[in-house]
Amino acid sequence: MKTNPVKDAKTRLIESAGKATQDFGMGRIVGQVMAVLYLSDSELSLDEIGNELCLSKAAVSIATRQLEGLGLLRRVWRRGDKKTYYRTVDNFASALQHGILDMVRAKLRAGALDLSYAAERLDLAHGEVSDEELEFLKKQIRRADSIRKKAEMVLNNPLVKLIGK
């Protein structure tokens, strides 16, 4: 049986995008939807995206909302058609950089809260574990927070902010 090289290439890219977004913690479907739209020469409806990926309209809708929130998609309306269509933004590279940087910044802020909470809890843990274990955990938390602060400094560097524009 003869295979279609264009379909094979698109399928490979869609799967690769899905794996990449899954690695970033956003879920596989987000990357697959992004790739389908990026590789399409026209805007697509939720139904069309779902058919392409063999996914439900609800799953595709959730993914498009995430991508819109990251500034990677835009809605397109067709005159006389009640459906909403989507396409990637015109300046995709810039939007991708900006969206990823914002997501990493948010993760770092959440990490700061978790580290602070853990440090507070350990301050209440005297007598529950050995002093050595307690000091080790406190040291590891301080170390992780130091790494987090350095990452924030890098992301807040004016040059990195310039790249994200």
Foldseek 3Di string as FASTA:
>chain_A
DDDDVVVVVLVVQLQVQLVVVVVVVNHSLLRNLQSVQAPDPDWAFLVRSCVVVVHDSVSSVVSVVLCVVLVQKDWDDDPPDPTITIHGDPPNQLSVLLSVLVVVVVVLVVLVVVLVVVLVVLVVCPPVDDPVVSVVVNVVSVVVNVVSVVVVCVSPPPVSVVSND
